Protein backbone atom coordinates (compact mmCIF):
# COMPACT_ATOMS: atom_id res chain seq x y z
CA MET A 1 -18.48 1.29 -23.90
CA LYS A 2 -20.41 1.47 -20.63
CA ILE A 3 -20.56 -1.36 -18.11
CA ALA A 4 -22.93 -1.08 -15.15
CA ARG A 5 -22.66 -3.26 -12.06
CA ASP A 6 -23.85 -2.82 -8.50
CA PHE A 7 -20.30 -2.56 -7.16
CA ILE A 8 -16.92 -1.77 -8.67
CA VAL A 9 -13.77 -3.11 -7.00
CA VAL A 10 -10.34 -1.90 -8.12
CA GLY A 11 -7.51 -4.18 -7.01
CA SER A 12 -7.07 -7.93 -6.55
CA GLY A 13 -5.09 -8.34 -3.35
CA LEU A 14 -6.55 -9.54 -0.06
CA ALA A 15 -8.54 -6.33 0.47
CA GLY A 16 -10.14 -6.22 -2.98
CA LEU A 17 -10.84 -9.96 -3.22
CA THR A 18 -12.34 -10.09 0.27
CA PHE A 19 -14.72 -7.22 -0.45
CA ALA A 20 -15.67 -8.58 -3.90
CA LEU A 21 -16.37 -12.02 -2.49
CA LYS A 22 -18.55 -10.80 0.36
CA ILE A 23 -20.39 -7.99 -1.42
CA SER A 24 -21.29 -10.40 -4.24
CA GLU A 25 -23.91 -11.83 -1.89
CA TYR A 26 -25.84 -8.58 -2.31
CA GLY A 27 -25.25 -7.58 -5.93
CA SER A 28 -23.19 -7.84 -9.09
CA VAL A 29 -19.49 -6.96 -9.01
CA ALA A 30 -16.96 -5.71 -11.57
CA LEU A 31 -13.49 -6.60 -10.29
CA ILE A 32 -10.86 -4.52 -12.09
CA THR A 33 -7.13 -5.21 -11.90
CA LYS A 34 -4.38 -3.66 -14.00
CA ASN A 35 -2.39 -6.88 -14.27
CA ALA A 36 -3.11 -10.58 -13.90
CA LEU A 37 -5.65 -11.42 -11.21
CA ASP A 38 -3.02 -12.86 -8.88
CA GLU A 39 -0.53 -9.99 -9.23
CA SER A 40 -0.67 -7.90 -6.05
CA ALA A 41 1.39 -7.03 -3.00
CA THR A 42 -0.54 -9.70 -1.08
CA LYS A 43 1.02 -12.36 -3.30
CA TYR A 44 4.51 -11.37 -2.12
CA ALA A 45 3.75 -11.13 1.60
CA GLN A 46 6.15 -13.62 3.20
CA GLY A 47 5.81 -13.10 6.93
CA GLY A 48 2.16 -13.58 7.77
CA ILE A 49 -0.87 -12.06 9.40
CA ALA A 50 -0.84 -10.87 13.01
CA SER A 51 -3.70 -12.19 15.15
CA VAL A 52 -4.23 -13.16 18.76
CA MET A 53 -4.41 -16.96 18.75
CA ALA A 54 -2.23 -18.15 21.65
CA ALA A 55 -3.31 -18.71 25.23
CA ASP A 56 -0.52 -16.50 26.57
CA ASP A 57 -1.46 -13.62 24.24
CA SER A 58 -4.31 -11.10 24.50
CA ILE A 59 -6.12 -8.39 22.60
CA ASP A 60 -4.76 -5.83 25.07
CA LEU A 61 -1.16 -6.89 24.37
CA HIS A 62 -1.62 -6.72 20.59
CA VAL A 63 -3.24 -3.29 20.94
CA ALA A 64 -0.37 -2.09 23.16
CA ASP A 65 2.26 -3.31 20.69
CA THR A 66 0.47 -1.59 17.79
CA LEU A 67 0.18 1.70 19.70
CA GLU A 68 3.84 1.55 20.70
CA ALA A 69 4.94 1.05 17.10
CA GLY A 70 2.63 3.84 15.89
CA ARG A 71 4.42 6.48 18.00
CA GLY A 72 1.34 8.28 19.28
CA LEU A 73 -0.50 8.64 15.97
CA CYS A 74 -2.66 5.51 15.94
CA ARG A 75 -6.40 5.95 16.38
CA LYS A 76 -6.98 3.86 19.50
CA ASP A 77 -10.57 2.93 18.67
CA VAL A 78 -9.50 1.73 15.23
CA VAL A 79 -6.63 -0.32 16.65
CA ARG A 80 -8.83 -2.06 19.19
CA CYS A 81 -11.58 -2.77 16.68
CA ILE A 82 -9.26 -4.29 14.06
CA VAL A 83 -7.26 -6.31 16.57
CA GLN A 84 -10.45 -7.55 18.24
CA GLU A 85 -12.32 -8.51 15.08
CA GLY A 86 -9.28 -10.01 13.36
CA PRO A 87 -9.08 -13.52 14.87
CA ALA A 88 -12.59 -14.56 13.77
CA LEU A 89 -11.92 -13.39 10.20
CA VAL A 90 -8.56 -15.17 10.10
CA ARG A 91 -10.33 -18.37 11.12
CA GLU A 92 -12.86 -17.66 8.38
CA LEU A 93 -9.96 -17.56 5.89
CA ALA A 94 -8.80 -20.94 7.15
CA THR A 95 -12.31 -22.33 6.77
CA LEU A 96 -12.35 -20.99 3.22
CA GLY A 97 -9.25 -23.07 2.50
CA ALA A 98 -6.14 -21.10 3.51
CA ARG A 99 -3.57 -23.63 4.70
CA PHE A 100 -1.70 -21.91 7.52
CA THR A 101 1.30 -23.78 8.92
CA ARG A 102 0.42 -25.90 11.94
CA THR A 103 2.37 -27.59 14.73
CA PRO A 104 2.60 -31.38 15.22
CA GLU A 105 -0.21 -30.92 17.77
CA ASP A 106 -2.34 -29.35 14.99
CA ALA A 107 -2.32 -25.87 16.51
CA TYR A 108 -1.42 -22.79 14.47
CA HIS A 109 2.35 -22.36 14.28
CA LEU A 110 2.88 -18.79 15.47
CA THR A 111 6.07 -16.82 14.96
CA ARG A 112 7.25 -13.44 16.23
CA GLU A 113 8.38 -10.33 14.39
CA GLY A 114 9.86 -6.97 15.37
CA GLY A 115 7.77 -4.90 17.77
CA HIS A 116 5.59 -7.83 18.89
CA SER A 117 5.74 -8.92 22.52
CA LYS A 118 4.30 -12.37 21.75
CA HIS A 119 4.36 -15.04 19.06
CA ARG A 120 1.20 -14.13 17.11
CA ILE A 121 2.09 -14.26 13.40
CA LEU A 122 0.17 -16.91 11.48
CA HIS A 123 1.97 -17.99 8.34
CA ALA A 124 2.01 -20.52 5.51
CA ASP A 125 5.74 -21.28 5.60
CA ASP A 126 7.22 -18.11 4.05
CA MET A 127 4.58 -17.74 1.31
CA THR A 128 1.63 -16.60 3.40
CA GLY A 129 0.42 -13.98 0.97
CA TRP A 130 0.33 -16.37 -1.95
CA GLU A 131 -1.64 -18.93 0.07
CA ILE A 132 -4.24 -16.28 1.01
CA GLU A 133 -4.35 -14.99 -2.58
CA ARG A 134 -4.85 -18.51 -3.96
CA THR A 135 -7.67 -19.20 -1.52
CA LEU A 136 -9.56 -15.99 -2.29
CA ILE A 137 -9.13 -16.25 -6.06
CA GLU A 138 -10.59 -19.75 -6.03
CA ALA A 139 -13.56 -18.46 -4.05
CA VAL A 140 -14.04 -15.47 -6.39
CA HIS A 141 -14.04 -17.74 -9.44
CA SER A 142 -16.89 -19.71 -7.86
CA ARG A 143 -19.17 -16.65 -7.81
CA PRO A 144 -21.00 -16.14 -11.13
CA ASN A 145 -21.96 -12.54 -10.32
CA ILE A 146 -18.31 -11.41 -10.05
CA GLU A 147 -16.91 -10.44 -13.46
CA VAL A 148 -13.14 -9.98 -13.58
CA PHE A 149 -11.54 -7.39 -15.87
CA THR A 150 -7.80 -8.06 -15.96
CA TYR A 151 -5.33 -5.65 -17.54
CA HIS A 152 -7.67 -2.72 -16.96
CA MET A 153 -6.24 0.34 -15.22
CA ALA A 154 -8.30 2.99 -13.45
CA VAL A 155 -7.89 6.39 -15.10
CA ASP A 156 -10.12 8.66 -13.03
CA LEU A 157 -13.16 8.45 -10.79
CA ILE A 158 -16.48 9.79 -11.99
CA THR A 159 -18.26 11.75 -9.27
CA ARG A 160 -21.38 13.85 -8.90
CA ALA A 161 -19.15 16.93 -8.85
CA ASN A 162 -18.04 16.16 -12.41
CA LEU A 163 -21.60 16.53 -13.62
CA ASP A 164 -22.91 19.25 -11.33
CA ALA A 165 -20.85 22.43 -11.18
CA SER A 166 -22.63 23.54 -8.00
CA ILE A 167 -21.05 20.67 -6.04
CA ALA A 168 -17.45 21.02 -4.87
CA PRO A 169 -15.24 17.93 -5.30
CA GLY A 170 -14.96 16.08 -1.99
CA SER A 171 -17.78 18.04 -0.36
CA PRO A 172 -20.51 16.28 1.67
CA GLU A 173 -22.81 16.41 -1.37
CA ASP A 174 -20.31 14.65 -3.61
CA GLU A 175 -20.47 10.91 -4.34
CA ALA A 176 -18.74 8.37 -6.57
CA LEU A 177 -20.71 7.16 -9.59
CA GLY A 178 -18.11 5.05 -11.35
CA LEU A 179 -14.77 5.36 -13.09
CA TYR A 180 -12.98 5.31 -16.41
CA ALA A 181 -10.59 2.39 -16.98
CA LEU A 182 -8.05 1.78 -19.73
CA ASN A 183 -8.00 -1.60 -21.46
CA GLU A 184 -4.24 -2.05 -21.68
CA HIS A 185 -4.48 -4.49 -24.59
CA THR A 186 -6.77 -2.51 -26.89
CA GLY A 187 -6.14 1.06 -25.73
CA ASP A 188 -9.89 1.62 -25.35
CA VAL A 189 -11.34 3.30 -22.27
CA THR A 190 -14.39 1.71 -20.64
CA THR A 191 -16.88 3.62 -18.49
CA PHE A 192 -17.74 1.56 -15.40
CA LEU A 193 -20.86 2.63 -13.49
CA GLY A 194 -21.74 1.42 -10.00
CA LYS A 195 -23.61 2.14 -6.79
CA GLY A 196 -20.42 1.84 -4.80
CA VAL A 197 -16.68 1.86 -5.60
CA LEU A 198 -13.93 0.25 -3.52
CA LEU A 199 -10.30 1.19 -4.14
CA ALA A 200 -7.94 -1.56 -3.03
CA THR A 201 -5.03 -0.68 -5.30
CA GLY A 202 -2.20 -1.25 -2.84
CA GLY A 203 0.78 0.98 -2.21
CA ALA A 204 3.32 3.15 -3.96
CA GLY A 205 6.74 1.57 -3.50
CA LYS A 206 7.66 2.27 -7.13
CA VAL A 207 7.83 5.95 -6.21
CA TYR A 208 11.27 5.03 -4.84
CA LEU A 209 14.31 3.72 -6.70
CA TYR A 210 14.63 0.63 -4.50
CA THR A 211 11.52 -1.17 -3.30
CA SER A 212 10.27 -4.58 -2.27
CA ASN A 213 6.95 -3.87 -3.98
CA PRO A 214 5.71 -5.39 -7.25
CA ASP A 215 5.77 -3.24 -10.38
CA THR A 216 2.04 -2.53 -9.98
CA ALA A 217 2.61 -0.41 -6.84
CA THR A 218 2.53 3.04 -8.44
CA GLY A 219 0.24 4.94 -6.06
CA ASP A 220 -2.75 4.66 -8.41
CA GLY A 221 -5.47 4.66 -5.77
CA VAL A 222 -4.10 7.62 -3.83
CA ALA A 223 -3.66 9.69 -7.00
CA VAL A 224 -7.08 8.79 -8.41
CA ALA A 225 -8.83 9.55 -5.12
CA TYR A 226 -6.87 12.78 -4.62
CA ARG A 227 -7.82 14.10 -8.04
CA ALA A 228 -11.48 13.43 -7.18
CA GLY A 229 -11.30 15.38 -3.91
CA ALA A 230 -10.71 12.64 -1.33
CA ARG A 231 -8.80 13.56 1.80
CA ILE A 232 -5.27 12.16 2.09
CA ALA A 233 -3.37 11.78 5.37
CA ASN A 234 0.10 11.01 6.75
CA MET A 235 1.85 10.42 3.44
CA GLU A 236 5.22 11.29 5.00
CA PHE A 237 5.21 7.97 6.84
CA PHE A 238 6.65 5.54 4.29
CA GLN A 239 8.04 2.37 5.76
CA PHE A 240 11.35 1.01 4.53
CA HIS A 241 11.82 -2.70 5.06
CA PRO A 242 15.23 -3.13 6.72
CA THR A 243 16.28 -6.34 5.00
CA CYS A 244 16.02 -6.79 1.25
CA LEU A 245 18.55 -8.95 -0.56
CA PHE A 246 21.38 -6.87 -1.98
CA HIS A 247 21.98 -8.22 -5.47
CA PRO A 248 21.77 -6.46 -8.86
CA GLN A 249 19.33 -9.01 -10.29
CA ALA A 250 17.24 -9.56 -7.15
CA LYS A 251 14.99 -6.50 -7.58
CA SER A 252 15.18 -6.01 -3.80
CA PHE A 253 13.87 -9.47 -2.91
CA LEU A 254 12.50 -9.18 0.62
CA ILE A 255 14.03 -11.20 3.44
CA SER A 256 11.14 -11.56 5.88
CA GLU A 257 11.30 -9.98 9.30
CA ALA A 258 10.40 -13.45 10.58
CA VAL A 259 14.01 -14.47 9.83
CA ARG A 260 15.08 -12.12 12.63
CA GLY A 261 12.14 -13.37 14.66
CA GLU A 262 13.61 -16.87 14.46
CA GLY A 263 17.03 -15.65 15.64
CA GLY A 264 18.68 -13.91 12.69
CA ILE A 265 21.37 -11.37 13.66
CA LEU A 266 22.33 -8.19 11.83
CA ARG A 267 26.07 -7.66 11.42
CA LEU A 268 28.45 -5.21 9.81
CA LYS A 269 30.93 -6.27 7.13
CA ASN A 270 33.54 -6.97 9.83
CA GLY A 271 31.12 -9.26 11.65
CA GLU A 272 30.27 -6.87 14.50
CA THR A 273 26.69 -6.59 15.72
CA PHE A 274 25.20 -3.12 16.08
CA MET A 275 21.46 -3.15 16.79
CA GLU A 276 21.98 -3.33 20.56
CA LYS A 277 23.21 0.28 20.33
CA TYR A 278 19.88 1.47 18.98
CA HIS A 279 17.13 -0.39 20.83
CA PRO A 280 16.66 -2.69 23.84
CA LEU A 281 15.06 -5.29 21.56
CA GLY A 282 18.12 -5.31 19.33
CA CYS A 283 17.37 -7.05 16.01
CA LEU A 284 13.71 -7.32 16.98
CA ALA A 285 13.25 -3.55 17.27
CA PRO A 286 10.43 -1.94 15.23
CA ARG A 287 11.16 -1.53 11.54
CA ASP A 288 11.68 2.23 11.57
CA VAL A 289 14.45 1.87 14.17
CA VAL A 290 16.14 -1.00 12.33
CA ALA A 291 16.00 0.72 8.93
CA ARG A 292 17.49 3.96 10.30
CA ALA A 293 20.21 2.05 12.15
CA ILE A 294 21.22 0.20 8.98
CA ASP A 295 21.10 3.43 6.96
CA TYR A 296 23.32 5.18 9.51
CA GLU A 297 25.84 2.34 9.72
CA MET A 298 26.10 2.08 5.92
CA LYS A 299 26.68 5.83 5.56
CA LYS A 300 29.23 5.80 8.37
CA SER A 301 31.23 2.88 6.95
CA GLY A 302 30.67 3.54 3.26
CA ASP A 303 29.63 -0.09 2.81
CA ASP A 304 26.95 -0.98 0.28
CA CYS A 305 25.07 -3.28 2.66
CA VAL A 306 24.98 -4.99 6.05
CA TYR A 307 24.55 -8.71 6.67
CA LEU A 308 21.81 -10.89 8.10
CA ASP A 309 23.30 -13.95 9.76
CA VAL A 310 21.40 -17.20 10.47
CA THR A 311 24.39 -19.53 10.16
CA HIS A 312 24.26 -20.22 13.91
CA LEU A 313 20.84 -21.84 13.47
CA GLU A 314 20.46 -25.46 12.43
CA GLY A 315 20.42 -25.62 8.65
CA TYR A 316 17.39 -27.88 8.36
CA ARG A 317 15.42 -25.47 10.56
CA THR A 318 16.14 -22.58 8.23
CA ARG A 319 15.33 -24.60 5.10
CA GLU A 320 12.05 -25.88 6.54
CA ARG A 321 10.89 -22.58 8.03
CA PHE A 322 11.85 -20.41 5.02
CA PRO A 323 11.79 -22.68 1.95
CA ASN A 324 11.03 -19.92 -0.57
CA ILE A 325 13.58 -17.48 0.84
CA TYR A 326 16.20 -20.25 1.01
CA LYS A 327 15.56 -21.36 -2.59
CA THR A 328 15.52 -17.80 -3.98
CA CYS A 329 18.75 -16.90 -2.22
CA MET A 330 20.35 -20.08 -3.56
CA ASP A 331 19.27 -19.03 -7.06
CA PHE A 332 21.27 -15.85 -6.56
CA GLY A 333 24.28 -17.74 -5.23
CA PHE A 334 23.77 -17.38 -1.47
CA ASP A 335 23.44 -20.33 0.90
CA MET A 336 21.94 -18.67 3.96
CA THR A 337 22.69 -21.72 6.12
CA ARG A 338 26.42 -21.26 5.47
CA GLU A 339 26.97 -17.51 4.90
CA PRO A 340 25.35 -14.24 6.01
CA LEU A 341 23.04 -12.60 3.49
CA PRO A 342 23.87 -9.09 2.20
CA VAL A 343 20.84 -6.87 2.89
CA VAL A 344 19.78 -3.23 2.48
CA PRO A 345 16.61 -1.26 3.31
CA ALA A 346 14.06 -0.69 0.53
CA ALA A 347 10.74 1.15 0.31
CA HIS A 348 8.13 -1.28 1.53
CA TYR A 349 4.83 0.08 2.89
CA MET A 350 2.81 3.29 2.65
CA CYS A 351 1.40 4.02 6.11
CA GLY A 352 -0.55 7.06 4.95
CA GLY A 353 -3.19 7.11 2.26
CA VAL A 354 -6.82 7.92 1.50
CA MET A 355 -8.57 8.75 4.76
CA ALA A 356 -11.37 6.40 5.73
CA ASP A 357 -13.42 5.48 8.77
CA LEU A 358 -13.75 2.02 10.29
CA ASN A 359 -16.10 1.03 7.47
CA GLY A 360 -13.64 2.06 4.77
CA GLN A 361 -15.85 5.04 3.88
CA THR A 362 -14.02 8.12 2.55
CA ASN A 363 -15.27 11.70 2.59
CA ILE A 364 -16.77 11.04 -0.86
CA ARG A 365 -20.02 9.11 -0.47
CA ARG A 366 -20.06 5.70 -2.16
CA LEU A 367 -16.25 5.66 -2.34
CA PHE A 368 -14.54 3.13 -0.08
CA VAL A 369 -10.92 2.15 0.42
CA SER A 370 -9.26 -0.85 2.04
CA GLY A 371 -5.73 -2.14 2.40
CA GLU A 372 -2.52 -0.20 1.85
CA VAL A 373 -4.16 2.52 -0.26
CA GLY A 374 -6.20 3.66 2.75
CA TYR A 375 -5.43 5.45 5.98
CA SER A 376 -7.66 4.13 8.75
CA GLY A 377 -5.46 5.17 11.66
CA LEU A 378 -4.30 1.63 12.50
CA HIS A 379 -0.63 2.14 11.67
CA GLY A 380 -0.07 5.70 12.88
CA ALA A 381 3.52 6.79 12.31
CA ASN A 382 4.86 3.26 11.84
CA ARG A 383 3.20 -0.03 10.90
CA LEU A 384 3.65 -2.94 13.26
CA ALA A 385 4.87 -5.98 11.33
CA SER A 386 2.15 -8.19 9.80
CA ASN A 387 -0.70 -5.84 10.76
CA SER A 388 -1.30 -4.93 7.11
CA LEU A 389 -3.09 -8.10 5.98
CA LEU A 390 -5.12 -7.91 9.18
CA GLU A 391 -6.26 -4.36 8.38
CA GLY A 392 -7.31 -5.21 4.82
CA LEU A 393 -9.24 -8.24 6.02
CA VAL A 394 -11.19 -6.39 8.71
CA LEU A 395 -11.85 -3.14 6.81
CA SER A 396 -13.08 -4.96 3.69
CA HIS A 397 -15.39 -7.07 5.84
CA ARG A 398 -16.80 -3.98 7.56
CA ALA A 399 -17.08 -2.03 4.29
CA VAL A 400 -19.46 -4.67 2.94
CA PHE A 401 -22.10 -3.87 5.56
CA LYS A 402 -21.87 -0.16 4.81
CA ALA A 403 -21.80 -0.57 1.04
CA ARG A 404 -24.82 -2.85 0.87
CA GLU A 405 -26.90 0.01 2.30
CA LEU A 406 -26.25 1.89 -0.96
CA LEU A 407 -28.11 -0.57 -3.18
CA PRO A 408 -31.47 1.26 -3.19
CA VAL A 409 -30.66 4.30 -5.36
CA SER A 410 -32.80 7.32 -6.10
CA ARG A 411 -34.19 8.19 -9.52
CA ASP A 412 -31.99 11.25 -9.35
CA LEU A 413 -28.87 9.09 -9.14
CA GLU A 414 -30.03 6.82 -11.95
CA ALA A 415 -30.70 9.84 -14.15
CA LEU A 416 -27.32 11.27 -13.27
CA GLN A 417 -25.52 8.08 -14.25
CA GLU A 418 -27.31 8.05 -17.58
CA ARG A 419 -25.79 11.49 -18.27
CA ILE A 420 -22.23 10.32 -17.72
CA PRO A 421 -20.34 10.80 -20.99
CA GLU A 422 -18.16 8.16 -22.50
CA TRP A 423 -14.45 8.80 -22.68
CA ASP A 424 -13.46 11.49 -25.18
CA PRO A 425 -9.77 11.57 -26.17
CA GLY A 426 -10.10 15.11 -27.48
CA ASP A 427 -7.16 16.16 -29.67
CA ALA A 428 -4.75 13.57 -28.28
CA VAL A 429 -2.57 11.69 -30.78
CA GLU A 430 -0.16 8.77 -30.63
CA SER A 431 3.02 9.69 -28.78
CA ASP A 432 6.30 10.10 -30.63
CA GLU A 433 8.16 11.04 -27.41
CA SER A 434 7.95 7.97 -25.20
CA VAL A 435 11.45 8.67 -23.96
CA VAL A 436 9.93 11.51 -21.91
CA VAL A 437 7.98 8.98 -19.86
CA SER A 438 10.96 6.76 -19.06
CA HIS A 439 13.20 9.75 -18.30
CA ASN A 440 10.72 11.39 -15.94
CA TRP A 441 9.92 8.08 -14.27
CA ASP A 442 13.61 7.51 -13.52
CA GLU A 443 14.17 11.08 -12.30
CA ILE A 444 11.23 10.95 -9.87
CA ARG A 445 12.37 7.67 -8.31
CA ARG A 446 15.94 8.89 -7.89
CA LEU A 447 15.00 12.24 -6.36
CA MET A 448 12.66 10.50 -3.93
CA TRP A 449 15.36 8.04 -2.91
CA ASN A 450 18.04 10.72 -2.51
CA TYR A 451 15.98 13.51 -0.92
CA VAL A 452 12.88 11.92 0.66
CA GLY A 453 14.26 8.63 1.95
CA ILE A 454 14.88 7.14 5.38
CA VAL A 455 16.61 10.30 6.69
CA ARG A 456 15.50 13.75 5.51
CA THR A 457 16.32 17.45 5.88
CA ASP A 458 14.30 20.55 5.03
CA LYS A 459 16.85 21.49 2.38
CA ARG A 460 16.49 18.14 0.63
CA LEU A 461 12.69 18.27 0.89
CA HIS A 462 12.45 21.78 -0.59
CA ARG A 463 14.75 20.75 -3.44
CA ALA A 464 12.57 17.71 -4.10
CA HIS A 465 9.40 19.81 -3.99
CA ARG A 466 10.70 22.30 -6.55
CA ARG A 467 11.72 19.56 -8.93
CA ILE A 468 8.56 17.46 -8.60
CA SER A 469 6.43 20.55 -9.26
CA MET A 470 8.29 21.16 -12.54
CA LEU A 471 8.01 17.52 -13.50
CA LEU A 472 4.27 17.53 -12.83
CA GLU A 473 3.83 20.41 -15.26
CA GLU A 474 5.72 18.47 -17.94
CA ILE A 475 3.74 15.30 -17.22
CA GLN A 476 0.41 17.13 -17.30
CA GLU A 477 1.23 18.62 -20.70
CA TYR A 478 2.28 15.21 -22.01
CA TYR A 479 -0.89 13.61 -20.61
CA TRP A 480 -3.16 15.98 -22.52
CA SER A 481 -1.18 15.86 -25.75
CA PHE A 482 -1.01 12.13 -26.36
CA ASN A 483 -3.25 9.08 -26.13
CA ILE A 484 -3.06 7.53 -22.70
CA THR A 485 -1.16 4.32 -22.01
CA GLN A 486 -0.45 2.38 -18.84
CA ASP A 487 2.99 4.01 -18.69
CA THR A 488 1.48 7.50 -19.00
CA LEU A 489 -1.06 6.86 -16.26
CA GLU A 490 1.49 5.32 -13.90
CA LEU A 491 3.89 8.21 -14.43
CA ARG A 492 1.16 10.74 -13.61
CA ASN A 493 0.22 8.76 -10.51
CA ILE A 494 3.72 8.34 -9.09
CA ALA A 495 4.40 12.03 -9.63
CA ILE A 496 1.27 13.06 -7.72
CA THR A 497 1.95 10.52 -4.96
CA ALA A 498 5.57 11.68 -4.69
CA ARG A 499 4.47 15.27 -4.27
CA LEU A 500 2.00 14.28 -1.56
CA ILE A 501 4.78 12.47 0.33
CA ILE A 502 7.03 15.51 0.03
CA GLU A 503 4.31 17.95 1.12
CA GLY A 504 3.45 15.79 4.12
CA ALA A 505 7.11 15.63 5.10
CA LEU A 506 7.48 19.42 4.82
CA MET A 507 4.44 19.99 7.01
CA ARG A 508 5.67 17.78 9.87
CA LYS A 509 8.18 19.80 11.94
CA GLU A 510 9.37 16.92 14.10
CA SER A 511 10.76 13.41 13.83
CA ARG A 512 8.26 10.68 14.60
CA GLY A 513 8.10 7.05 13.57
CA LEU A 514 9.03 6.61 9.93
CA HIS A 515 9.54 10.33 9.34
CA TYR A 516 13.03 11.34 10.49
CA ASN A 517 14.23 14.89 9.79
CA LEU A 518 17.72 15.91 10.89
CA ASP A 519 16.51 19.51 11.31
CA TYR A 520 13.92 18.31 13.86
CA PRO A 521 15.49 15.14 15.32
CA GLU A 522 13.05 14.74 18.23
CA PRO A 523 9.27 14.34 18.43
CA ASP A 524 7.34 17.48 19.32
CA GLU A 525 6.07 16.71 22.82
CA SER A 526 4.63 20.19 23.36
CA GLN A 527 1.32 19.17 21.83
CA THR A 528 -0.77 16.10 21.12
CA PRO A 529 0.45 14.45 17.89
CA VAL A 530 -1.73 15.32 14.91
CA GLU A 531 -2.30 13.74 11.52
CA THR A 532 -1.03 15.47 8.40
CA LEU A 533 -4.06 16.21 6.23
CA LEU A 534 -3.59 16.82 2.53
CA GLN A 535 -6.59 17.98 0.58
CA ASP A 536 -7.65 21.44 -0.44
CA ALA A 537 -9.73 21.96 -3.55
CA ALA A 538 -7.86 25.20 -4.27
CA GLN A 539 -4.49 23.46 -4.11
CA ARG A 540 -5.26 20.25 -5.98
CA LEU A 541 -2.88 19.77 -8.84
CA LEU A 542 -5.08 17.97 -11.32
CA SER A 543 -8.83 18.47 -11.20
CA GLN A 544 -10.95 15.66 -12.61
CA PRO A 545 -12.23 16.73 -16.05
CA ARG A 546 -15.83 16.07 -17.04
CA THR A 547 -14.55 14.35 -20.18
CA ARG A 548 -11.25 13.90 -21.91
CA ASN A 549 -11.99 16.85 -24.22
CA ARG A 550 -9.22 19.44 -24.15
CA ALA A 551 -11.85 22.18 -23.82
CA THR A 552 -12.53 20.97 -20.28
CA ARG A 553 -8.93 20.46 -19.27
CA PRO A 554 -8.00 22.03 -15.91
């Protein structure tokens, strides 16, 4: 089946919903999401959205804090643009219906998180992401020209290079024409055609054994774009959130950085504090510093966790400021007003991704990215807390103005889209070896946690690279032998994303921001810091086939 719309949006977090809502003023939209409409990383964002709103704050201060956190790898023009355009768009969200927490004087209640010099985090108690998600979903449902396809997972992009052998994937002549998507309920594959495609698929936390991310975060957008020839950058910079609840049933429930912003103190098992040894800001140091400090202290002591202590704060203040965190911790048997919470770092945010300019445009024409899947240059080597929602909001807004220019299409493009074949499963059959998927999935996540985690060495990275290369061969063979499922696609995507992280880490011969290598413990100050670029048509692991037919398999 073929479905043609003016624009195709993949992902239903803040970035995808914002773009879909705004671009719907100019054309029809197919909004594709591989789970329920409200299931995204945005939904789980507790802390808030960073924006200059206070009289004692300024754009220059927010820019300076972002650059400091990014350790020399932020693109300064991008930082200034996003920080400067953010406040108006945040107010637009509030006008749309987002209920941010306010003070008794009816001003925005602003909190502070690690790396910020001022209180500038807008929040809706400790469920900011859900409040934003709710607001945008209601707005999307009010637009008749947005059609939502839930439980559909992107398989591969369809580009001009797939249909014209004279065009190299990712070259200036290449452009996105649509994508194949799996209906997870029926097993059928739909061909979506559009005049512009936005990937807003979120991150890749499930590449690691322990993560704060939802189960949907399997690196889909990065892997799909990479296979099509998009440039990928800075994948070695994966942020680990310092404080996730340590409990076997908690699935790494995140304890917001705002808890430390309100006065929470990190302690060892014996009650001693330790962050003052690592940074002048102590517990409010940037996330990369805090995560490494906790990792070091746990390895030194052999303890399974450290503790986040807010018992010195007034109990009612904690319950009112963090009602969801308080309730969830109580459900797991912890009263945070009376006892310190056991916490550990967990994979949290992908600071690299698909390279894009300030309009979300990738090197493939008509292909845009926004949110965690993209690399705009805002975060550099380390994301400043609560800048992520801000980036998705601004980039999606700017992408709309670029994408609407694509509406008048040539007859050549129309003819080309008519030639796009429907999905052909080739010789694939139903799998009788599903255990291979679960086994490989588990092995990838463990090797990434053990060898490509918070602290790395060249020896560990080379070991991980050898193993992931072997696993990719096995996964590729499995992919072509059996009918695709969500599990098959996610496995292929996390394997590709894992290898990109490893290759980026091997290329960077220094320690900077979130990438810390014991063999190169200091930043390389002999040259201007450079981005790690990952895309070479000759080295790409999995070329996009013209159809599913085994005769065209790479």
